[in-house]
Structure formats: C-alpha cells, structure tokens
C-alpha cells in the first residue's frame, strides 16, 4: 500500500473511500487509531492508502472530482 493523501477530516476520508470503491480501487485508512487517541489536537493525520499499482488511477480519479492537491 502507498499513501494517496493525508487529512484530519474523517468525512472527507469516508467520501474518498466510497469514490475509490465505486471505481473498483481498494483503499485503506492508516493511522485511524493513533489519530483517535490523540484527541482533537490533530497531531496525527489519517492516511488514505491504495495498492501501488492502483496509485495512478486513484490520483487521476481524485483530480477528476476536484480532490487533487
């Protein structure tokens, strides 16, 4: 798995995971537990990761929906 993006926004993560799933791209949220443990200070960002071979397609998809950085 390779990192696609980092964010502290759980709603954005959920949305992006749904978009990726609809496109047939498997994804996983990393560091969710650590981010939850740190409370509301936001020191640890959650990371959205995809398989390395899916990275180019995932990046294109995020760019198409206006979620590219």
PDB file of N, CA and C in Angstrom:
ATOM      1  N   UNK A   1       0.843  -1.175   0.000  1.00  0.00           N
ATOM      2  CA  UNK A   1       0.000   0.000   0.000  1.00  0.00           C
ATOM      3  C   UNK A   1       0.893   1.246   0.000  1.00  0.00           C
ATOM      4  N   UNK A   2       0.451   2.250  -0.738  1.00  0.00           N
ATOM      5  CA  UNK A   2       1.164   3.527  -0.784  1.00  0.00           C
ATOM      6  C   UNK A   2       0.184   4.641  -0.430  1.00  0.00           C
ATOM      7  N   UNK A   3       0.721   5.675   0.173  1.00  0.00           N
ATOM      8  CA  UNK A   3      -0.109   6.791   0.614  1.00  0.00           C
ATOM      9  C   UNK A   3      -0.633   7.593  -0.571  1.00  0.00           C
ATOM     10  N   UNK A   4      -1.919   7.855  -0.543  1.00  0.00           N
ATOM     11  CA  UNK A   4      -2.564   8.683  -1.558  1.00  0.00           C
ATOM     12  C   UNK A   4      -2.722  10.109  -1.040  1.00  0.00           C
ATOM     13  N   UNK A   5      -3.123  10.254   0.224  1.00  0.00           N
ATOM     14  CA  UNK A   5      -3.257  11.578   0.834  1.00  0.00           C
ATOM     15  C   UNK A   5      -3.338  11.461   2.334  1.00  0.00           C
ATOM     16  N   UNK A   6      -3.195  12.608   3.003  1.00  0.00           N
ATOM     17  CA  UNK A   6      -3.323  12.707   4.465  1.00  0.00           C
ATOM     18  C   UNK A   6      -4.362  13.770   4.784  1.00  0.00           C
ATOM     19  N   UNK A   7      -5.142  13.519   5.819  1.00  0.00           N
ATOM     20  CA  UNK A   7      -6.123  14.500   6.260  1.00  0.00           C
ATOM     21  C   UNK A   7      -6.570  14.182   7.679  1.00  0.00           C
ATOM     22  N   UNK A   8      -7.080  15.203   8.352  1.00  0.00           N
ATOM     23  CA  UNK A   8      -7.701  15.026   9.663  1.00  0.00           C
ATOM     24  C   UNK A   8      -9.223  14.992   9.548  1.00  0.00           C
ATOM     25  N   UNK A   9      -9.742  15.057   8.342  1.00  0.00           N
ATOM     26  CA  UNK A   9     -11.185  15.143   8.106  1.00  0.00           C
ATOM     27  C   UNK A   9     -11.767  13.749   7.851  1.00  0.00           C
ATOM     28  N   UNK A  10     -12.436  13.147   8.848  1.00  0.00           N
ATOM     29  CA  UNK A  10     -12.981  11.799   8.667  1.00  0.00           C
ATOM     30  C   UNK A  10     -14.106  11.733   7.631  1.00  0.00           C
ATOM     31  N   UNK A  11     -14.817  12.820   7.455  1.00  0.00           N
ATOM     32  CA  UNK A  11     -15.894  12.845   6.455  1.00  0.00           C
ATOM     33  C   UNK A  11     -15.288  12.797   5.048  1.00  0.00           C
ATOM     34  N   UNK A  12     -14.240  13.570   4.835  1.00  0.00           N
ATOM     35  CA  UNK A  12     -13.551  13.562   3.538  1.00  0.00           C
ATOM     36  C   UNK A  12     -12.987  12.168   3.248  1.00  0.00           C
ATOM     37  N   UNK A  13     -12.385  11.552   4.263  1.00  0.00           N
ATOM     38  CA  UNK A  13     -11.846  10.205   4.085  1.00  0.00           C
ATOM     39  C   UNK A  13     -12.926   9.215   3.691  1.00  0.00           C
ATOM     40  N   UNK A  14     -14.043   9.278   4.372  1.00  0.00           N
ATOM     41  CA  UNK A  14     -15.148   8.374   4.074  1.00  0.00           C
ATOM     42  C   UNK A  14     -15.654   8.576   2.642  1.00  0.00           C
ATOM     43  N   UNK A  15     -15.804   9.836   2.241  1.00  0.00           N
ATOM     44  CA  UNK A  15     -16.247  10.157   0.887  1.00  0.00           C
ATOM     45  C   UNK A  15     -15.269   9.622  -0.150  1.00  0.00           C
ATOM     46  N   UNK A  16     -13.972   9.882   0.075  1.00  0.00           N
ATOM     47  CA  UNK A  16     -12.965   9.450  -0.899  1.00  0.00           C
ATOM     48  C   UNK A  16     -12.871   7.934  -0.966  1.00  0.00           C
ATOM     49  N   UNK A  17     -13.011   7.261   0.147  1.00  0.00           N
ATOM     50  CA  UNK A  17     -13.014   5.800   0.126  1.00  0.00           C
ATOM     51  C   UNK A  17     -14.204   5.276  -0.679  1.00  0.00           C
ATOM     52  N   UNK A  18     -15.365   5.907  -0.529  1.00  0.00           N
ATOM     53  CA  UNK A  18     -16.545   5.491  -1.292  1.00  0.00           C
ATOM     54  C   UNK A  18     -16.335   5.710  -2.783  1.00  0.00           C
ATOM     55  N   UNK A  19     -15.746   6.844  -3.149  1.00  0.00           N
ATOM     56  CA  UNK A  19     -15.470   7.131  -4.560  1.00  0.00           C
ATOM     57  C   UNK A  19     -14.508   6.093  -5.132  1.00  0.00           C
ATOM     58  N   UNK A  20     -13.446   5.796  -4.381  1.00  0.00           N
ATOM     59  CA  UNK A  20     -12.474   4.806  -4.844  1.00  0.00           C
ATOM     60  C   UNK A  20     -13.112   3.417  -4.970  1.00  0.00           C
ATOM     61  N   UNK A  21     -13.916   3.039  -3.987  1.00  0.00           N
ATOM     62  CA  UNK A  21     -14.584   1.742  -4.026  1.00  0.00           C
ATOM     63  C   UNK A  21     -15.496   1.640  -5.236  1.00  0.00           C
ATOM     64  N   UNK A  22     -16.248   2.700  -5.510  1.00  0.00           N
ATOM     65  CA  UNK A  22     -17.134   2.714  -6.681  1.00  0.00           C
ATOM     66  C   UNK A  22     -16.357   2.543  -7.978  1.00  0.00           C
ATOM     67  N   UNK A  23     -15.101   2.991  -7.994  1.00  0.00           N
ATOM     68  CA  UNK A  23     -14.253   2.869  -9.182  1.00  0.00           C
ATOM     69  C   UNK A  23     -13.499   1.536  -9.196  1.00  0.00           C
ATOM     70  N   UNK A  24     -13.713   0.706  -8.182  1.00  0.00           N
ATOM     71  CA  UNK A  24     -13.049  -0.594  -8.130  1.00  0.00           C
ATOM     72  C   UNK A  24     -11.627  -0.536  -7.599  1.00  0.00           C
ATOM     73  N   UNK A  25     -11.326   0.521  -6.866  1.00  0.00           N
ATOM     74  CA  UNK A  25      -9.980   0.690  -6.303  1.00  0.00           C
ATOM     75  C   UNK A  25     -10.043   0.440  -4.799  1.00  0.00           C
ATOM     76  N   UNK A  26      -9.294  -0.554  -4.349  1.00  0.00           N
ATOM     77  CA  UNK A  26      -9.246  -0.881  -2.926  1.00  0.00           C
ATOM     78  C   UNK A  26      -8.430   0.169  -2.175  1.00  0.00           C
ATOM     79  N   UNK A  27      -8.927   0.574  -1.013  1.00  0.00           N
ATOM     80  CA  UNK A  27      -8.192   1.548  -0.204  1.00  0.00           C
ATOM     81  C   UNK A  27      -8.318   1.188   1.265  1.00  0.00           C
ATOM     82  N   UNK A  28      -7.419   1.778   2.059  1.00  0.00           N
ATOM     83  CA  UNK A  28      -7.441   1.552   3.499  1.00  0.00           C
ATOM     84  C   UNK A  28      -7.010   2.850   4.184  1.00  0.00           C
ATOM     85  N   UNK A  29      -7.586   3.108   5.359  1.00  0.00           N
ATOM     86  CA  UNK A  29      -7.196   4.276   6.153  1.00  0.00           C
ATOM     87  C   UNK A  29      -6.181   3.821   7.187  1.00  0.00           C
ATOM     88  N   UNK A  30      -5.014   4.427   7.138  1.00  0.00           N
ATOM     89  CA  UNK A  30      -3.948   4.123   8.085  1.00  0.00           C
ATOM     90  C   UNK A  30      -3.901   5.191   9.177  1.00  0.00           C
ATOM     91  N   UNK A  31      -3.465   4.821  10.340  1.00  0.00           N
ATOM     92  CA  UNK A  31      -3.296   5.716  11.495  1.00  0.00           C
ATOM     93  C   UNK A  31      -4.610   6.208  12.084  1.00  0.00           C
ATOM     94  N   UNK A  32      -5.714   5.547  11.788  1.00  0.00           N
ATOM     95  CA  UNK A  32      -7.004   5.974  12.337  1.00  0.00           C
ATOM     96  C   UNK A  32      -7.007   5.858  13.864  1.00  0.00           C
ATOM     97  N   UNK A  33      -6.456   4.766  14.395  1.00  0.00           N
ATOM     98  CA  UNK A  33      -6.434   4.592  15.841  1.00  0.00           C
ATOM     99  C   UNK A  33      -5.561   5.651  16.506  1.00  0.00           C
ATOM    100  N   UNK A  34      -4.376   5.860  15.963  1.00  0.00           N
ATOM    101  CA  UNK A  34      -3.462   6.860  16.539  1.00  0.00           C
ATOM    102  C   UNK A  34      -4.079   8.253  16.509  1.00  0.00           C
ATOM    103  N   UNK A  35      -4.762   8.572  15.428  1.00  0.00           N
ATOM    104  CA  UNK A  35      -5.403   9.879  15.307  1.00  0.00           C
ATOM    105  C   UNK A  35      -6.530  10.016  16.328  1.00  0.00           C
ATOM    106  N   UNK A  36      -7.250   8.929  16.577  1.00  0.00           N
ATOM    107  CA  UNK A  36      -8.334   8.975  17.554  1.00  0.00           C
ATOM    108  C   UNK A  36      -7.786   9.118  18.974  1.00  0.00           C
ATOM    109  N   UNK A  37      -6.676   8.480  19.248  1.00  0.00           N
ATOM    110  CA  UNK A  37      -6.084   8.525  20.582  1.00  0.00           C
ATOM    111  C   UNK A  37      -5.569   9.918  20.914  1.00  0.00           C
ATOM    112  N   UNK A  38      -5.061  10.644  19.905  1.00  0.00           N
ATOM    113  CA  UNK A  38      -4.502  11.972  20.190  1.00  0.00           C
ATOM    114  C   UNK A  38      -5.590  12.998  20.486  1.00  0.00           C
ATOM    115  N   UNK A  39      -6.835  12.606  20.350  1.00  0.00           N
ATOM    116  CA  UNK A  39      -7.946  13.509  20.661  1.00  0.00           C
ATOM    117  C   UNK A  39      -8.162  14.532  19.574  1.00  0.00           C
ATOM    118  N   UNK A  40      -8.482  15.730  19.960  1.00  0.00           N
ATOM    119  CA  UNK A  40      -8.858  16.754  18.982  1.00  0.00           C
ATOM    120  C   UNK A  40      -7.712  17.685  18.611  1.00  0.00           C
ATOM    121  N   UNK A  41      -6.476  17.362  19.014  1.00  0.00           N
ATOM    122  CA  UNK A  41      -5.377  18.281  18.700  1.00  0.00           C
ATOM    123  C   UNK A  41      -4.900  18.140  17.257  1.00  0.00           C
ATOM    124  N   UNK A  42      -5.214  17.031  16.603  1.00  0.00           N
ATOM    125  CA  UNK A  42      -4.887  16.875  15.195  1.00  0.00           C
ATOM    126  C   UNK A  42      -3.415  16.659  14.902  1.00  0.00           C
ATOM    127  N   UNK A  43      -2.678  16.134  15.861  1.00  0.00           N
ATOM    128  CA  UNK A  43      -1.239  15.936  15.660  1.00  0.00           C
ATOM    129  C   UNK A  43      -0.941  14.797  14.693  1.00  0.00           C
ATOM    130  N   UNK A  44      -1.817  13.806  14.656  1.00  0.00           N
ATOM    131  CA  UNK A  44      -1.619  12.654  13.774  1.00  0.00           C
ATOM    132  C   UNK A  44      -2.705  12.668  12.708  1.00  0.00           C
ATOM    133  N   UNK A  45      -2.296  12.758  11.469  1.00  0.00           N
ATOM    134  CA  UNK A  45      -3.262  12.740  10.371  1.00  0.00           C
ATOM    135  C   UNK A  45      -3.509  11.307   9.924  1.00  0.00           C
ATOM    136  N   UNK A  46      -4.728  11.058   9.497  1.00  0.00           N
ATOM    137  CA  UNK A  46      -5.061   9.759   8.916  1.00  0.00           C
ATOM    138  C   UNK A  46      -4.535   9.747   7.484  1.00  0.00           C
ATOM    139  N   UNK A  47      -4.086   8.567   7.031  1.00  0.00           N
ATOM    140  CA  UNK A  47      -3.563   8.441   5.674  1.00  0.00           C
ATOM    141  C   UNK A  47      -4.454   7.492   4.879  1.00  0.00           C
ATOM    142  N   UNK A  48      -4.810   7.901   3.696  1.00  0.00           N
ATOM    143  CA  UNK A  48      -5.558   7.054   2.783  1.00  0.00           C
ATOM    144  C   UNK A  48      -4.552   6.401   1.849  1.00  0.00           C
ATOM    145  N   UNK A  49      -4.558   5.074   1.799  1.00  0.00           N
ATOM    146  CA  UNK A  49      -3.581   4.342   1.004  1.00  0.00           C
ATOM    147  C   UNK A  49      -4.276   3.418   0.014  1.00  0.00           C
ATOM    148  N   UNK A  50      -3.613   3.191  -1.109  1.00  0.00           N
ATOM    149  CA  UNK A  50      -4.098   2.289  -2.152  1.00  0.00           C
ATOM    150  C   UNK A  50      -2.957   1.359  -2.555  1.00  0.00           C
ATOM    151  N   UNK A  51      -3.279   0.319  -3.287  1.00  0.00           N
ATOM    152  CA  UNK A  51      -2.240  -0.552  -3.816  1.00  0.00           C
ATOM    153  C   UNK A  51      -1.370   0.236  -4.777  1.00  0.00           C
ATOM    154  N   UNK A  52      -0.100  -0.089  -4.806  1.00  0.00           N
ATOM    155  CA  UNK A  52       0.843   0.663  -5.635  1.00  0.00           C
ATOM    156  C   UNK A  52       0.420   0.691  -7.100  1.00  0.00           C
ATOM    157  N   UNK A  53      -0.080  -0.429  -7.585  1.00  0.00           N
ATOM    158  CA  UNK A  53      -0.491  -0.466  -8.993  1.00  0.00           C
ATOM    159  C   UNK A  53      -1.759   0.353  -9.272  1.00  0.00           C
ATOM    160  N   UNK A  54      -2.522   0.679  -8.231  1.00  0.00           N
ATOM    161  CA  UNK A  54      -3.734   1.489  -8.383  1.00  0.00           C
ATOM    162  C   UNK A  54      -3.478   2.980  -8.190  1.00  0.00           C
ATOM    163  N   UNK A  55      -2.278   3.350  -7.765  1.00  0.00           N
ATOM    164  CA  UNK A  55      -1.987   4.749  -7.449  1.00  0.00           C
ATOM    165  C   UNK A  55      -2.250   5.705  -8.612  1.00  0.00           C
ATOM    166  N   UNK A  56      -1.756   5.446  -9.827  1.00  0.00           N
ATOM    167  CA  UNK A  56      -2.023   6.396 -10.924  1.00  0.00           C
ATOM    168  C   UNK A  56      -3.520   6.579 -11.196  1.00  0.00           C
ATOM    169  N   UNK A  57      -4.278   5.493 -11.182  1.00  0.00           N
ATOM    170  CA  UNK A  57      -5.722   5.592 -11.420  1.00  0.00           C
ATOM    171  C   UNK A  57      -6.414   6.348 -10.293  1.00  0.00           C
ATOM    172  N   UNK A  58      -5.993   6.107  -9.059  1.00  0.00           N
ATOM    173  CA  UNK A  58      -6.584   6.796  -7.905  1.00  0.00           C
ATOM    174  C   UNK A  58      -6.277   8.289  -7.959  1.00  0.00           C
ATOM    175  N   UNK A  59      -5.048   8.641  -8.317  1.00  0.00           N
ATOM    176  CA  UNK A  59      -4.687  10.059  -8.428  1.00  0.00           C
ATOM    177  C   UNK A  59      -5.488  10.748  -9.526  1.00  0.00           C
ATOM    178  N   UNK A  60      -5.661  10.078 -10.665  1.00  0.00           N
ATOM    179  CA  UNK A  60      -6.476  10.648 -11.753  1.00  0.00           C
ATOM    180  C   UNK A  60      -7.913  10.867 -11.303  1.00  0.00           C
ATOM    181  N   UNK A  61      -8.464   9.874 -10.612  1.00  0.00           N
ATOM    182  CA  UNK A  61      -9.845   9.961 -10.154  1.00  0.00           C
ATOM    183  C   UNK A  61     -10.025  11.127  -9.180  1.00  0.00           C
ATOM    184  N   UNK A  62      -9.118  11.287  -8.235  1.00  0.00           N
ATOM    185  CA  UNK A  62      -9.221  12.388  -7.288  1.00  0.00           C
ATOM    186  C   UNK A  62      -9.105  13.732  -8.004  1.00  0.00           C
ATOM    187  N   UNK A  63      -8.241  13.797  -9.001  1.00  0.00           N
ATOM    188  CA  UNK A  63      -8.101  15.038  -9.769  1.00  0.00           C
ATOM    189  C   UNK A  63      -9.394  15.344 -10.522  1.00  0.00           C
ATOM    190  N   UNK A  64     -10.015  14.318 -11.090  1.00  0.00           N
ATOM    191  CA  UNK A  64     -11.268  14.500 -11.839  1.00  0.00           C
ATOM    192  C   UNK A  64     -12.390  15.033 -10.971  1.00  0.00           C
ATOM    193  N   UNK A  65     -12.426  14.646  -9.701  1.00  0.00           N
ATOM    194  CA  UNK A  65     -13.508  15.098  -8.827  1.00  0.00           C
ATOM    195  C   UNK A  65     -13.128  16.333  -8.008  1.00  0.00           C
ATOM    196  N   UNK A  66     -11.971  16.913  -8.325  1.00  0.00           N
ATOM    197  CA  UNK A  66     -11.569  18.143  -7.644  1.00  0.00           C
ATOM    198  C   UNK A  66     -10.959  17.946  -6.283  1.00  0.00           C
ATOM    199  N   UNK A  67     -10.462  16.757  -6.016  1.00  0.00           N
ATOM    200  CA  UNK A  67      -9.857  16.471  -4.708  1.00  0.00           C
ATOM    201  C   UNK A  67      -8.348  16.352  -4.788  1.00  0.00           C
ATOM    202  N   UNK A  68      -7.770  16.735  -5.898  1.00  0.00           N
ATOM    203  CA  UNK A  68      -6.308  16.680  -6.029  1.00  0.00           C
ATOM    204  C   UNK A  68      -5.704  17.866  -5.323  1.00  0.00           C
ATOM    205  N   UNK A  69      -4.507  17.712  -4.877  1.00  0.00           N
ATOM    206  CA  UNK A  69      -3.817  18.804  -4.170  1.00  0.00           C
ATOM    207  C   UNK A  69      -2.724  19.362  -5.008  1.00  0.00           C
TER     208      UNK A  69
END
